[in-house]
Amino acid sequence: MDTLLQQIVNGLVVGSVYALVALGYTMVYGILGLINFAHGEVVMIGAMVALQVLLILAGVAPDMTPLLMLAIAVAVAIPVCMLLGYLMERLAYRRLRGAPRLAPLITAIGLSFLLQTLAMIFWGRGNHPFPQLISTEPIALVGAVVITPVQVAIIAISALMMAALLMLVNRTRLGRAMRATAENHRVAQLMGVDINAVIALTFVIGAALAAVAGVMIASNYGIANYSMGFMPGLKAFTAAVLGGIGNLAGAVVGGLVLGLVEAIGAGYIEDISFGFLNSSYQDIFAFTILGLVLIFRPTGLLGEKVSDRA
């Protein structure tokens, strides 16, 4: 029982990060019908920029408190990723809005490899230890079930950011403009909505969430490298599809469900395989779920069939 509870805790931590990244995928898809496969690399850039800031602060202000250092690093990483998100939309995707869907898809994949290569050139190919600025000492919950302060922070911050985004989309003027643009570009323009600004802001907001997710991943595992965003990006895309891509609540549900399935599966796979497999095979679960969802329910858990935009 303790093992199951421990895997549930681990799954909620991982699932919170997946959900945060999946929101970026689902917002862009909801407005443009585009899968931005370069979104995972924005996660990586956020982590690497934060690491670079932490190294600089450690040299110029070694007496600074760890939480303040981390806050400054995140405060720098977010605008850098927001600028990157804006440039991606402005330079790579805007000209392709009227193109066949295959063109922006290929562009997104190419942009993903481009960002990985640039990061590899700048930061190198090796793993970089990410400073553990929040305590990693386990906190006992029930029985042998434990959680670390880093994991508590990940769940709490993810929940706050997801709630803030849902309020932004459902309760603000910008959110109404985003929903109108997602419904129909031409009608939104006739109503006075600047769709170029709305679409750019959608990329910017998604990039801000990705920056925070990147710092969370690096803080949780203590490592950052140029390829760290690729697999979380693919799994977040899987979470978005699982929940119903284009649906914000679906992205959150999909992320949490995927995290739980992965963690519970990884916890028991060694027992089932009699030791021949290990938890590194947990990726199987994510992509098996993606295949099953696409076969049996392409619209996802909370998605619904919609007609193509005019």
C-alpha atoms as a PDB file:
ATOM      1  CA  MET A   1       0.000   0.000   0.000  1.00  0.00           C
ATOM      2  CA  ASP A   2       2.830   2.389   0.870  1.00  0.00           C
ATOM      3  CA  THR A   3       4.442   1.651  -2.482  1.00  0.00           C
ATOM      4  CA  LEU A   4       1.246   2.566  -4.327  1.00  0.00           C
ATOM      5  CA  LEU A   5       0.845   5.798  -2.357  1.00  0.00           C
ATOM      6  CA  GLN A   6       4.481   6.687  -3.014  1.00  0.00           C
ATOM      7  CA  GLN A   7       4.017   6.181  -6.741  1.00  0.00           C
ATOM      8  CA  ILE A   8       0.872   8.320  -6.664  1.00  0.00           C
ATOM      9  CA  VAL A   9       2.838  11.143  -5.033  1.00  0.00           C
ATOM     10  CA  ASN A  10       5.611  10.779  -7.613  1.00  0.00           C
ATOM     11  CA  GLY A  11       3.039  10.683 -10.392  1.00  0.00           C
ATOM     12  CA  LEU A  12       1.395  13.916  -9.222  1.00  0.00           C
ATOM     13  CA  VAL A  13       4.779  15.657  -9.259  1.00  0.00           C
ATOM     14  CA  VAL A  14       5.648  14.510 -12.779  1.00  0.00           C
ATOM     15  CA  GLY A  15       2.082  14.982 -13.983  1.00  0.00           C
ATOM     16  CA  SER A  16       2.019  18.585 -12.750  1.00  0.00           C
ATOM     17  CA  VAL A  17       5.002  19.388 -14.946  1.00  0.00           C
ATOM     18  CA  TYR A  18       3.486  17.570 -17.935  1.00  0.00           C
ATOM     19  CA  ALA A  19       0.264  19.520 -17.468  1.00  0.00           C
ATOM     20  CA  LEU A  20       2.106  22.840 -17.335  1.00  0.00           C
ATOM     21  CA  VAL A  21       3.929  22.116 -20.594  1.00  0.00           C
ATOM     22  CA  ALA A  22       0.822  20.603 -22.205  1.00  0.00           C
ATOM     23  CA  LEU A  23      -1.031  23.887 -21.688  1.00  0.00           C
ATOM     24  CA  GLY A  24       1.391  25.541 -24.118  1.00  0.00           C
ATOM     25  CA  TYR A  25       0.699  22.884 -26.745  1.00  0.00           C
ATOM     26  CA  THR A  26      -3.049  23.038 -26.316  1.00  0.00           C
ATOM     27  CA  MET A  27      -3.303  26.849 -26.379  1.00  0.00           C
ATOM     28  CA  VAL A  28      -1.411  27.098 -29.664  1.00  0.00           C
ATOM     29  CA  TYR A  29      -3.372  24.236 -31.189  1.00  0.00           C
ATOM     30  CA  GLY A  30      -6.673  25.697 -30.017  1.00  0.00           C
ATOM     31  CA  ILE A  31      -5.978  28.991 -31.794  1.00  0.00           C
ATOM     32  CA  LEU A  32      -3.941  27.946 -34.838  1.00  0.00           C
ATOM     33  CA  GLY A  33      -4.514  24.220 -35.237  1.00  0.00           C
ATOM     34  CA  LEU A  34      -0.709  23.896 -35.057  1.00  0.00           C
ATOM     35  CA  ILE A  35       1.367  21.379 -33.096  1.00  0.00           C
ATOM     36  CA  ASN A  36       4.396  23.366 -31.951  1.00  0.00           C
ATOM     37  CA  PHE A  37       6.895  20.523 -31.552  1.00  0.00           C
ATOM     38  CA  ALA A  38       9.586  23.072 -30.643  1.00  0.00           C
ATOM     39  CA  HIS A  39       7.774  23.796 -27.364  1.00  0.00           C
ATOM     40  CA  GLY A  40       9.872  21.207 -25.513  1.00  0.00           C
ATOM     41  CA  GLU A  41      13.002  23.114 -26.472  1.00  0.00           C
ATOM     42  CA  VAL A  42      11.574  26.227 -24.819  1.00  0.00           C
ATOM     43  CA  VAL A  43      11.453  24.151 -21.626  1.00  0.00           C
ATOM     44  CA  MET A  44      15.144  23.352 -22.102  1.00  0.00           C
ATOM     45  CA  ILE A  45      16.087  26.986 -22.791  1.00  0.00           C
ATOM     46  CA  GLY A  46      14.315  28.037 -19.595  1.00  0.00           C
ATOM     47  CA  ALA A  47      16.328  25.571 -17.530  1.00  0.00           C
ATOM     48  CA  MET A  48      19.658  26.399 -19.180  1.00  0.00           C
ATOM     49  CA  VAL A  49      19.164  30.179 -18.871  1.00  0.00           C
ATOM     50  CA  ALA A  50      18.246  29.749 -15.203  1.00  0.00           C
ATOM     51  CA  LEU A  51      21.374  27.627 -14.685  1.00  0.00           C
ATOM     52  CA  GLN A  52      23.533  30.263 -16.359  1.00  0.00           C
ATOM     53  CA  VAL A  53      22.089  32.987 -14.109  1.00  0.00           C
ATOM     54  CA  LEU A  54      22.669  30.852 -11.011  1.00  0.00           C
ATOM     55  CA  LEU A  55      26.317  30.316 -11.960  1.00  0.00           C
ATOM     56  CA  ILE A  56      26.785  34.063 -12.455  1.00  0.00           C
ATOM     57  CA  LEU A  57      25.098  34.868  -9.132  1.00  0.00           C
ATOM     58  CA  ALA A  58      27.231  32.274  -7.344  1.00  0.00           C
ATOM     59  CA  GLY A  59      30.304  34.119  -8.578  1.00  0.00           C
ATOM     60  CA  VAL A  60      29.247  37.732  -7.940  1.00  0.00           C
ATOM     61  CA  ALA A  61      27.016  37.289  -4.874  1.00  0.00           C
ATOM     62  CA  PRO A  62      27.932  34.041  -3.090  1.00  0.00           C
ATOM     63  CA  ASP A  63      26.228  35.151   0.143  1.00  0.00           C
ATOM     64  CA  MET A  64      22.824  35.583  -1.466  1.00  0.00           C
ATOM     65  CA  THR A  65      20.113  33.345  -0.025  1.00  0.00           C
ATOM     66  CA  PRO A  66      19.325  30.262  -2.161  1.00  0.00           C
ATOM     67  CA  LEU A  67      15.633  31.098  -2.624  1.00  0.00           C
ATOM     68  CA  LEU A  68      16.456  34.626  -3.782  1.00  0.00           C
ATOM     69  CA  MET A  69      18.994  33.262  -6.252  1.00  0.00           C
ATOM     70  CA  LEU A  70      16.409  30.837  -7.627  1.00  0.00           C
ATOM     71  CA  ALA A  71      13.776  33.576  -7.832  1.00  0.00           C
ATOM     72  CA  ILE A  72      16.150  35.815  -9.799  1.00  0.00           C
ATOM     73  CA  ALA A  73      17.072  32.946 -12.115  1.00  0.00           C
ATOM     74  CA  VAL A  74      13.402  32.222 -12.842  1.00  0.00           C
ATOM     75  CA  ALA A  75      12.694  35.942 -13.268  1.00  0.00           C
ATOM     76  CA  VAL A  76      15.365  36.065 -15.983  1.00  0.00           C
ATOM     77  CA  ALA A  77      14.438  32.765 -17.645  1.00  0.00           C
ATOM     78  CA  ILE A  78      10.766  33.687 -18.078  1.00  0.00           C
ATOM     79  CA  PRO A  79      11.252  36.844 -20.216  1.00  0.00           C
ATOM     80  CA  VAL A  80      13.981  35.127 -22.259  1.00  0.00           C
ATOM     81  CA  CYS A  81      11.595  32.281 -23.092  1.00  0.00           C
ATOM     82  CA  MET A  82       8.755  34.725 -23.716  1.00  0.00           C
ATOM     83  CA  LEU A  83      10.945  36.535 -26.245  1.00  0.00           C
ATOM     84  CA  LEU A  84      11.850  33.192 -27.815  1.00  0.00           C
ATOM     85  CA  GLY A  85       8.161  32.270 -28.059  1.00  0.00           C
ATOM     86  CA  TYR A  86       7.376  35.590 -29.731  1.00  0.00           C
ATOM     87  CA  LEU A  87      10.216  35.193 -32.236  1.00  0.00           C
ATOM     88  CA  MET A  88       9.125  31.650 -33.058  1.00  0.00           C
ATOM     89  CA  GLU A  89       5.618  32.840 -33.882  1.00  0.00           C
ATOM     90  CA  ARG A  90       6.699  35.984 -35.698  1.00  0.00           C
ATOM     91  CA  LEU A  91       9.519  34.535 -37.785  1.00  0.00           C
ATOM     92  CA  ALA A  92       8.670  30.854 -38.212  1.00  0.00           C
ATOM     93  CA  TYR A  93       4.900  30.395 -38.063  1.00  0.00           C
ATOM     94  CA  ARG A  94       3.116  33.611 -39.035  1.00  0.00           C
ATOM     95  CA  ARG A  95       3.969  33.327 -42.707  1.00  0.00           C
ATOM     96  CA  LEU A  96       2.680  29.738 -42.768  1.00  0.00           C
ATOM     97  CA  ARG A  97      -0.845  30.327 -41.472  1.00  0.00           C
ATOM     98  CA  GLY A  98      -2.423  29.819 -44.866  1.00  0.00           C
ATOM     99  CA  ALA A  99      -0.081  27.010 -45.890  1.00  0.00           C
ATOM    100  CA  PRO A 100      -0.998  23.303 -45.916  1.00  0.00           C
ATOM    101  CA  ARG A 101      -0.749  21.814 -42.416  1.00  0.00           C
ATOM    102  CA  LEU A 102       2.305  19.758 -43.298  1.00  0.00           C
ATOM    103  CA  ALA A 103       4.424  22.907 -43.819  1.00  0.00           C
ATOM    104  CA  PRO A 104       4.156  24.315 -40.252  1.00  0.00           C
ATOM    105  CA  LEU A 105       4.538  20.789 -38.852  1.00  0.00           C
ATOM    106  CA  ILE A 106       7.856  20.303 -40.669  1.00  0.00           C
ATOM    107  CA  THR A 107       8.893  23.817 -39.656  1.00  0.00           C
ATOM    108  CA  ALA A 108       8.177  23.025 -35.995  1.00  0.00           C
ATOM    109  CA  ILE A 109      10.301  19.864 -36.106  1.00  0.00           C
ATOM    110  CA  GLY A 110      13.128  21.738 -37.844  1.00  0.00           C
ATOM    111  CA  LEU A 111      12.933  24.527 -35.272  1.00  0.00           C
ATOM    112  CA  SER A 112      13.168  21.949 -32.501  1.00  0.00           C
ATOM    113  CA  PHE A 113      16.421  20.547 -33.890  1.00  0.00           C
ATOM    114  CA  LEU A 114      17.748  24.053 -34.530  1.00  0.00           C
ATOM    115  CA  LEU A 115      17.218  25.111 -30.911  1.00  0.00           C
ATOM    116  CA  GLN A 116      18.784  21.897 -29.628  1.00  0.00           C
ATOM    117  CA  THR A 117      21.840  22.419 -31.828  1.00  0.00           C
ATOM    118  CA  LEU A 118      22.246  26.044 -30.796  1.00  0.00           C
ATOM    119  CA  ALA A 119      21.983  25.051 -27.132  1.00  0.00           C
ATOM    120  CA  MET A 120      24.547  22.283 -27.659  1.00  0.00           C
ATOM    121  CA  ILE A 121      26.947  24.788 -29.255  1.00  0.00           C
ATOM    122  CA  PHE A 122      26.495  27.312 -26.463  1.00  0.00           C
ATOM    123  CA  TRP A 123      26.334  25.039 -23.387  1.00  0.00           C
ATOM    124  CA  GLY A 124      28.050  21.895 -24.652  1.00  0.00           C
ATOM    125  CA  ARG A 125      26.914  18.287 -24.954  1.00  0.00           C
ATOM    126  CA  GLY A 126      27.442  17.176 -21.370  1.00  0.00           C
ATOM    127  CA  ASN A 127      25.145  17.152 -18.369  1.00  0.00           C
ATOM    128  CA  HIS A 128      25.325  20.188 -16.085  1.00  0.00           C
ATOM    129  CA  PRO A 129      24.551  19.789 -12.371  1.00  0.00           C
ATOM    130  CA  PHE A 130      21.684  22.079 -11.408  1.00  0.00           C
ATOM    131  CA  PRO A 131      22.086  23.593  -7.902  1.00  0.00           C
ATOM    132  CA  GLN A 132      19.694  22.128  -5.353  1.00  0.00           C
ATOM    133  CA  LEU A 133      18.589  25.421  -3.795  1.00  0.00           C
ATOM    134  CA  ILE A 134      15.450  23.985  -2.204  1.00  0.00           C
ATOM    135  CA  SER A 135      15.881  21.251   0.380  1.00  0.00           C
ATOM    136  CA  THR A 136      15.734  17.700  -0.931  1.00  0.00           C
ATOM    137  CA  GLU A 137      15.387  16.138   2.534  1.00  0.00           C
ATOM    138  CA  PRO A 138      12.351  13.820   2.444  1.00  0.00           C
ATOM    139  CA  ILE A 139       9.267  14.692   4.475  1.00  0.00           C
ATOM    140  CA  ALA A 140       7.324  11.738   5.878  1.00  0.00           C
ATOM    141  CA  LEU A 141       3.635  11.631   4.935  1.00  0.00           C
ATOM    142  CA  VAL A 142       1.944   8.309   5.743  1.00  0.00           C
ATOM    143  CA  GLY A 143       3.948   5.247   6.706  1.00  0.00           C
ATOM    144  CA  ALA A 144       6.955   4.976   4.375  1.00  0.00           C
ATOM    145  CA  VAL A 145       5.553   7.537   1.906  1.00  0.00           C
ATOM    146  CA  VAL A 146       7.768  10.617   1.557  1.00  0.00           C
ATOM    147  CA  ILE A 147       7.880  13.824  -0.447  1.00  0.00           C
ATOM    148  CA  THR A 148      10.608  16.455  -0.734  1.00  0.00           C
ATOM    149  CA  PRO A 149      10.182  20.238  -0.413  1.00  0.00           C
ATOM    150  CA  VAL A 150      11.171  20.534  -4.101  1.00  0.00           C
ATOM    151  CA  GLN A 151       8.291  18.270  -5.072  1.00  0.00           C
ATOM    152  CA  VAL A 152       5.880  20.178  -2.839  1.00  0.00           C
ATOM    153  CA  ALA A 153       6.955  23.419  -4.528  1.00  0.00           C
ATOM    154  CA  ILE A 154       6.494  21.856  -7.985  1.00  0.00           C
ATOM    155  CA  ILE A 155       2.920  20.751  -7.239  1.00  0.00           C
ATOM    156  CA  ALA A 156       1.960  24.027  -5.537  1.00  0.00           C
ATOM    157  CA  ILE A 157       3.458  26.355  -8.171  1.00  0.00           C
ATOM    158  CA  SER A 158       2.048  24.269 -11.019  1.00  0.00           C
ATOM    159  CA  ALA A 159      -1.427  24.359  -9.484  1.00  0.00           C
ATOM    160  CA  LEU A 160      -1.261  28.135  -8.984  1.00  0.00           C
ATOM    161  CA  MET A 161      -0.055  28.783 -12.538  1.00  0.00           C
ATOM    162  CA  MET A 162      -2.662  26.491 -14.076  1.00  0.00           C
ATOM    163  CA  ALA A 163      -5.423  28.149 -12.054  1.00  0.00           C
ATOM    164  CA  ALA A 164      -4.152  31.604 -13.043  1.00  0.00           C
ATOM    165  CA  LEU A 165      -4.155  30.625 -16.725  1.00  0.00           C
ATOM    166  CA  LEU A 166      -7.697  29.263 -16.545  1.00  0.00           C
ATOM    167  CA  MET A 167      -8.840  32.517 -14.909  1.00  0.00           C
ATOM    168  CA  LEU A 168      -7.012  34.534 -17.566  1.00  0.00           C
ATOM    169  CA  VAL A 169      -8.714  32.666 -20.395  1.00  0.00           C
ATOM    170  CA  ASN A 170     -12.189  32.588 -18.848  1.00  0.00           C
ATOM    171  CA  ARG A 171     -12.406  35.883 -16.937  1.00  0.00           C
ATOM    172  CA  THR A 172     -10.398  38.549 -18.765  1.00  0.00           C
ATOM    173  CA  ARG A 173     -10.702  40.607 -21.931  1.00  0.00           C
ATOM    174  CA  LEU A 174      -7.597  38.958 -23.358  1.00  0.00           C
ATOM    175  CA  GLY A 175      -9.110  35.571 -22.632  1.00  0.00           C
ATOM    176  CA  ARG A 176     -12.280  36.490 -24.506  1.00  0.00           C
ATOM    177  CA  ALA A 177     -10.161  37.633 -27.448  1.00  0.00           C
ATOM    178  CA  MET A 178      -8.262  34.332 -27.356  1.00  0.00           C
ATOM    179  CA  ARG A 179     -11.475  32.323 -27.329  1.00  0.00           C
ATOM    180  CA  ALA A 180     -12.939  34.388 -30.151  1.00  0.00           C
ATOM    181  CA  THR A 181      -9.789  33.924 -32.229  1.00  0.00           C
ATOM    182  CA  ALA A 182      -9.840  30.188 -31.567  1.00  0.00           C
ATOM    183  CA  GLU A 183     -13.464  30.047 -32.719  1.00  0.00           C
ATOM    184  CA  ASN A 184     -13.050  31.909 -36.005  1.00  0.00           C
ATOM    185  CA  HIS A 185     -10.228  34.215 -37.123  1.00  0.00           C
ATOM    186  CA  ARG A 186     -12.274  36.191 -39.610  1.00  0.00           C
ATOM    187  CA  VAL A 187     -15.199  36.836 -37.295  1.00  0.00           C
ATOM    188  CA  ALA A 188     -12.808  37.817 -34.492  1.00  0.00           C
ATOM    189  CA  GLN A 189     -11.191  40.389 -36.788  1.00  0.00           C
ATOM    190  CA  LEU A 190     -14.606  41.806 -37.688  1.00  0.00           C
ATOM    191  CA  MET A 191     -15.271  42.207 -33.956  1.00  0.00           C
ATOM    192  CA  GLY A 192     -12.124  44.318 -33.605  1.00  0.00           C
ATOM    193  CA  VAL A 193      -9.750  41.653 -32.270  1.00  0.00           C
ATOM    194  CA  ASP A 194      -6.122  42.014 -33.328  1.00  0.00           C
ATOM    195  CA  ILE A 195      -5.567  38.335 -34.055  1.00  0.00           C
ATOM    196  CA  ASN A 196      -1.835  38.787 -34.715  1.00  0.00           C
ATOM    197  CA  ALA A 197      -1.372  40.193 -31.216  1.00  0.00           C
ATOM    198  CA  VAL A 198      -3.566  37.510 -29.661  1.00  0.00           C
ATOM    199  CA  ILE A 199      -1.699  34.672 -31.376  1.00  0.00           C
ATOM    200  CA  ALA A 200       1.676  36.179 -30.429  1.00  0.00           C
ATOM    201  CA  LEU A 201       0.546  36.513 -26.800  1.00  0.00           C
ATOM    202  CA  THR A 202      -0.584  32.894 -26.833  1.00  0.00           C
ATOM    203  CA  PHE A 203       2.939  31.801 -27.773  1.00  0.00           C
ATOM    204  CA  VAL A 204       4.407  34.167 -25.169  1.00  0.00           C
ATOM    205  CA  ILE A 205       2.198  32.871 -22.343  1.00  0.00           C
ATOM    206  CA  GLY A 206       2.908  29.257 -23.273  1.00  0.00           C
ATOM    207  CA  ALA A 207       6.649  30.003 -23.312  1.00  0.00           C
ATOM    208  CA  ALA A 208       6.454  31.543 -19.828  1.00  0.00           C
ATOM    209  CA  LEU A 209       4.839  28.359 -18.491  1.00  0.00           C
ATOM    210  CA  ALA A 210       7.501  26.287 -20.264  1.00  0.00           C
ATOM    211  CA  ALA A 211      10.294  28.329 -18.656  1.00  0.00           C
ATOM    212  CA  VAL A 212       8.962  27.593 -15.177  1.00  0.00           C
ATOM    213  CA  ALA A 213       8.495  23.922 -16.076  1.00  0.00           C
ATOM    214  CA  GLY A 214      12.107  23.735 -17.255  1.00  0.00           C
ATOM    215  CA  VAL A 215      13.402  25.072 -13.929  1.00  0.00           C
ATOM    216  CA  MET A 216      11.125  22.602 -12.104  1.00  0.00           C
ATOM    217  CA  ILE A 217      12.471  19.634 -14.056  1.00  0.00           C
ATOM    218  CA  ALA A 218      16.087  20.688 -13.534  1.00  0.00           C
ATOM    219  CA  SER A 219      15.503  21.335  -9.818  1.00  0.00           C
ATOM    220  CA  ASN A 220      13.787  17.990  -9.307  1.00  0.00           C
ATOM    221  CA  TYR A 221      16.435  15.889 -11.065  1.00  0.00           C
ATOM    222  CA  GLY A 222      19.466  18.099 -10.402  1.00  0.00           C
ATOM    223  CA  ILE A 223      20.648  17.971 -14.033  1.00  0.00           C
ATOM    224  CA  ALA A 224      20.237  20.169 -17.102  1.00  0.00           C
ATOM    225  CA  ASN A 225      21.429  19.592 -20.668  1.00  0.00           C
ATOM    226  CA  TYR A 226      20.711  20.628 -24.253  1.00  0.00           C
ATOM    227  CA  SER A 227      18.330  17.716 -24.950  1.00  0.00           C
ATOM    228  CA  MET A 228      16.401  17.720 -21.665  1.00  0.00           C
ATOM    229  CA  GLY A 229      13.260  19.243 -23.187  1.00  0.00           C
ATOM    230  CA  PHE A 230      12.746  16.713 -25.973  1.00  0.00           C
ATOM    231  CA  MET A 231      11.199  13.811 -24.046  1.00  0.00           C
ATOM    232  CA  PRO A 232       9.138  15.959 -21.610  1.00  0.00           C
ATOM    233  CA  GLY A 233       7.892  17.863 -24.645  1.00  0.00           C
ATOM    234  CA  LEU A 234       6.738  14.677 -26.373  1.00  0.00           C
ATOM    235  CA  LYS A 235       5.084  13.434 -23.194  1.00  0.00           C
ATOM    236  CA  ALA A 236       3.366  16.778 -22.644  1.00  0.00           C
ATOM    237  CA  PHE A 237       2.062  16.563 -26.201  1.00  0.00           C
ATOM    238  CA  THR A 238       0.785  13.076 -25.362  1.00  0.00           C
ATOM    239  CA  ALA A 239      -0.902  14.533 -22.273  1.00  0.00           C
ATOM    240  CA  ALA A 240      -2.532  17.245 -24.379  1.00  0.00           C
ATOM    241  CA  VAL A 241      -3.868  14.636 -26.823  1.00  0.00           C
ATOM    242  CA  LEU A 242      -4.999  12.410 -23.962  1.00  0.00           C
ATOM    243  CA  GLY A 243      -6.989  15.214 -22.343  1.00  0.00           C
ATOM    244  CA  GLY A 244      -8.313  16.613 -25.623  1.00  0.00           C
ATOM    245  CA  ILE A 245      -5.935  18.924 -27.438  1.00  0.00           C
ATOM    246  CA  GLY A 246      -7.305  22.451 -27.612  1.00  0.00           C
ATOM    247  CA  ASN A 247      -9.014  22.029 -24.225  1.00  0.00           C
ATOM    248  CA  LEU A 248      -7.196  23.683 -21.292  1.00  0.00           C
ATOM    249  CA  ALA A 249      -8.868  21.575 -18.608  1.00  0.00           C
ATOM    250  CA  GLY A 250      -8.140  18.516 -20.733  1.00  0.00           C
ATOM    251  CA  ALA A 251      -4.432  19.362 -20.792  1.00  0.00           C
ATOM    252  CA  VAL A 252      -4.371  19.480 -16.991  1.00  0.00           C
ATOM    253  CA  VAL A 253      -6.284  16.214 -16.643  1.00  0.00           C
ATOM    254  CA  GLY A 254      -4.180  14.540 -19.322  1.00  0.00           C
ATOM    255  CA  GLY A 255      -0.935  15.602 -17.680  1.00  0.00           C
ATOM    256  CA  LEU A 256      -1.952  14.323 -14.260  1.00  0.00           C
ATOM    257  CA  VAL A 257      -3.307  11.029 -15.642  1.00  0.00           C
ATOM    258  CA  LEU A 258      -0.171  10.437 -17.704  1.00  0.00           C
ATOM    259  CA  GLY A 259       2.083  11.188 -14.740  1.00  0.00           C
ATOM    260  CA  LEU A 260       0.167   8.775 -12.522  1.00  0.00           C
ATOM    261  CA  VAL A 261       0.157   5.999 -15.146  1.00  0.00           C
ATOM    262  CA  GLU A 262       3.891   6.407 -15.722  1.00  0.00           C
ATOM    263  CA  ALA A 263       4.792   6.445 -12.040  1.00  0.00           C
ATOM    264  CA  ILE A 264       2.586   3.517 -11.056  1.00  0.00           C
ATOM    265  CA  GLY A 265       3.695   1.528 -14.107  1.00  0.00           C
ATOM    266  CA  ALA A 266       7.368   2.236 -13.411  1.00  0.00           C
ATOM    267  CA  GLY A 267       6.896   1.205  -9.793  1.00  0.00           C
ATOM    268  CA  TYR A 268       5.517  -2.214 -10.656  1.00  0.00           C
ATOM    269  CA  ILE A 269       7.139  -3.042 -14.003  1.00  0.00           C
ATOM    270  CA  GLU A 270      10.133  -4.744 -12.390  1.00  0.00           C
ATOM    271  CA  ASP A 271       7.853  -7.073 -10.452  1.00  0.00           C
ATOM    272  CA  ILE A 272       5.851  -7.943 -13.543  1.00  0.00           C
ATOM    273  CA  SER A 273       8.967  -8.485 -15.688  1.00  0.00           C
ATOM    274  CA  PHE A 274      10.792 -10.480 -12.958  1.00  0.00           C
ATOM    275  CA  GLY A 275      13.704  -8.017 -13.017  1.00  0.00           C
ATOM    276  CA  PHE A 276      14.365  -8.137 -16.743  1.00  0.00           C
ATOM    277  CA  LEU A 277      13.074  -4.574 -17.214  1.00  0.00           C
ATOM    278  CA  ASN A 278      13.503  -1.454 -15.088  1.00  0.00           C
ATOM    279  CA  SER A 279      11.818   1.911 -14.578  1.00  0.00           C
ATOM    280  CA  SER A 280      13.603   3.407 -17.586  1.00  0.00           C
ATOM    281  CA  TYR A 281      10.948   1.596 -19.626  1.00  0.00           C
ATOM    282  CA  GLN A 282       8.272   3.945 -18.286  1.00  0.00           C
ATOM    283  CA  ASP A 283       8.348   5.812 -21.621  1.00  0.00           C
ATOM    284  CA  ILE A 284       6.491   2.827 -23.056  1.00  0.00           C
ATOM    285  CA  PHE A 285       3.395   3.846 -21.117  1.00  0.00           C
ATOM    286  CA  ALA A 286       3.273   7.381 -22.507  1.00  0.00           C
ATOM    287  CA  PHE A 287       3.431   6.359 -26.131  1.00  0.00           C
ATOM    288  CA  THR A 288       1.199   3.330 -25.681  1.00  0.00           C
ATOM    289  CA  ILE A 289      -1.429   5.669 -24.262  1.00  0.00           C
ATOM    290  CA  LEU A 290      -0.939   8.040 -27.204  1.00  0.00           C
ATOM    291  CA  GLY A 291      -1.500   5.213 -29.682  1.00  0.00           C
ATOM    292  CA  LEU A 292      -4.589   3.920 -27.854  1.00  0.00           C
ATOM    293  CA  VAL A 293      -6.137   7.373 -27.566  1.00  0.00           C
ATOM    294  CA  LEU A 294      -5.578   8.111 -31.252  1.00  0.00           C
ATOM    295  CA  ILE A 295      -7.154   4.763 -32.187  1.00  0.00           C
ATOM    296  CA  PHE A 296     -10.159   4.654 -29.859  1.00  0.00           C
ATOM    297  CA  ARG A 297     -10.831   8.296 -28.903  1.00  0.00           C
ATOM    298  CA  PRO A 298      -8.978  10.762 -31.140  1.00  0.00           C
ATOM    299  CA  THR A 299     -10.681  13.739 -29.470  1.00  0.00           C
ATOM    300  CA  GLY A 300      -9.253  12.838 -26.037  1.00  0.00           C
ATOM    301  CA  LEU A 301     -10.916  12.475 -22.641  1.00  0.00           C
ATOM    302  CA  LEU A 302     -12.460  15.964 -22.543  1.00  0.00           C
ATOM    303  CA  GLY A 303     -12.292  16.851 -26.237  1.00  0.00           C
ATOM    304  CA  GLU A 304     -15.233  17.057 -28.591  1.00  0.00           C
ATOM    305  CA  LYS A 305     -15.572  16.924 -32.341  1.00  0.00           C
ATOM    306  CA  VAL A 306     -15.410  20.296 -34.038  1.00  0.00           C
ATOM    307  CA  SER A 307     -15.675  21.319 -37.651  1.00  0.00           C
ATOM    308  CA  ASP A 308     -12.744  22.842 -39.514  1.00  0.00           C
ATOM    309  CA  ARG A 309     -12.424  26.623 -39.373  1.00  0.00           C
ATOM    310  CA  ALA A 310     -13.690  28.650 -42.240  1.00  0.00           C
END
